[in-house]
Amino acid sequence: MKKPISATIDEELINWIKKELQNRERYRNKSHLIEIALDTLRKKEAKK
């Protein structure tokens, strides 16, 4: 089950997100990109 959240994000990261979202084959929307980024970080941290 997915739940909405709110976050304050640095403008530089927002610009990066906008650039990445131009590739619609990779990310459906901002939420999808952020979810993938957090999941990647979680897996990386679990390997430590």
Protein backbone atom coordinates (compact mmCIF):
# COMPACT_ATOMS: atom_id res chain seq x y z
CA MET A 1 0.00 0.00 0.00
CA LYS A 2 1.42 3.37 -0.98
CA LYS A 3 0.86 6.53 1.04
CA PRO A 4 1.49 10.15 0.04
CA ILE A 5 4.23 12.08 1.79
CA SER A 6 5.59 15.60 1.64
CA ALA A 7 9.26 16.59 1.46
CA THR A 8 11.26 19.77 1.12
CA ILE A 9 13.95 19.23 -1.52
CA ASP A 10 16.91 21.39 -2.51
CA GLU A 11 16.36 23.31 -5.75
CA GLU A 12 19.41 21.68 -7.34
CA LEU A 13 17.87 18.24 -6.78
CA ILE A 14 14.52 19.44 -8.14
CA ASN A 15 16.27 20.57 -11.33
CA TRP A 16 17.96 17.16 -11.58
CA ILE A 17 14.59 15.43 -11.13
CA LYS A 18 13.03 17.54 -13.89
CA LYS A 19 15.91 16.62 -16.21
CA GLU A 20 15.59 12.93 -15.39
CA LEU A 21 11.82 12.98 -15.97
CA GLN A 22 12.39 13.90 -19.61
CA ASN A 23 13.17 10.19 -20.08
CA ARG A 24 9.59 8.85 -19.76
CA GLU A 25 10.75 5.33 -20.60
CA ARG A 26 12.67 5.19 -17.32
CA TYR A 27 10.43 7.11 -14.88
CA ARG A 28 6.65 7.57 -14.95
CA ASN A 29 6.60 10.61 -12.65
CA LYS A 30 8.35 12.27 -9.69
CA SER A 31 7.00 9.76 -7.21
CA HIS A 32 8.32 6.86 -9.30
CA LEU A 33 11.78 8.43 -9.56
CA ILE A 34 11.96 9.16 -5.82
CA GLU A 35 10.73 5.68 -4.93
CA ILE A 36 13.42 4.07 -7.11
CA ALA A 37 16.11 6.37 -5.65
CA LEU A 38 15.12 5.53 -2.06
CA ASP A 39 14.92 1.81 -2.80
CA THR A 40 18.39 1.94 -4.37
CA LEU A 41 19.75 3.71 -1.27
CA ARG A 42 18.06 1.18 1.04
CA LYS A 43 19.62 -1.76 -0.83
CA LYS A 44 23.03 -0.09 -0.81
CA GLU A 45 22.81 0.51 2.95
CA ALA A 46 21.69 -3.08 3.57
CA LYS A 47 24.89 -4.38 1.92
CA LYS A 48 27.07 -2.60 4.50
